[in-house]
Amino acid sequence: MQNIDQIFLYMKDEIEREASNEEKAILDEVKALEEDIYESMKAEAKRDADLKMKQEIEEMTSNASTEISESHIERTKKLIEKRDGYVKTIFDEVREKLVAFTDSKDYVSFMHEKIKKIANNFNEDSIMYIAKKDLSMKDELIKVFGKNIKVEVDEDITIGGFIVENKDLHLVVDETLDFALNSQKEWFNKNSGLIIK
């Protein structure tokens, strides 16, 4: 039986491995693109210089600067699109694995384990929000919680897990896989090194 720490460690390792592979691919592509652009611009500049001679050097320099700027903007746009595509692919795959996990026997154990860890912090005036597909586990989740609490469907929980809220205590615990995935995505965006300048 997997516990949540193993799952998130696996998620983190998978994300870091995928990120490393994607980062290398992006950097190799950037380098090749820069070399192609450099060679292309160098050849064009030489042709222009031969045709326009000395009296048009200032104009040629101005045009080259404009082209470089536009080329840099276009290249940056393409790289951002590629990076965003890679990130989306990675997190779509992770999401699919999490959805598959919610259909496994380990998911029920995961839910029980998480509920037991937080149940003592809440009283019967609390509400547990779950995914619609987990509604069949309602009675079992209440039993594990150990208190007679309300259980409601939250349409925003699309993968699985639960949120327990007690407004009187001003206490909310979010143990959804949706929240965990979004947190990993934020961490990845901050730490992946896939920043395009």
Foldseek 3Di string as FASTA:
>chain_A
DDEPVVLVVVLLVLLLVLLVVLVVVLVVVVVVVVVVVVVVLVVVLVVVCVVPDDVCPVVSVVVSVVVVVVVLVVVLVVSVVSVVVSLVVSLVVSLVVLLVVCVDPVVVVNQLVVLLVCLVVDAQQKEKEWAPVCVVCVVVSCVSSVHNHHYYYDPVQDRTHIWMDHVVVRDIDGPGVVVVSVVSSVVCVVPSPSDGD
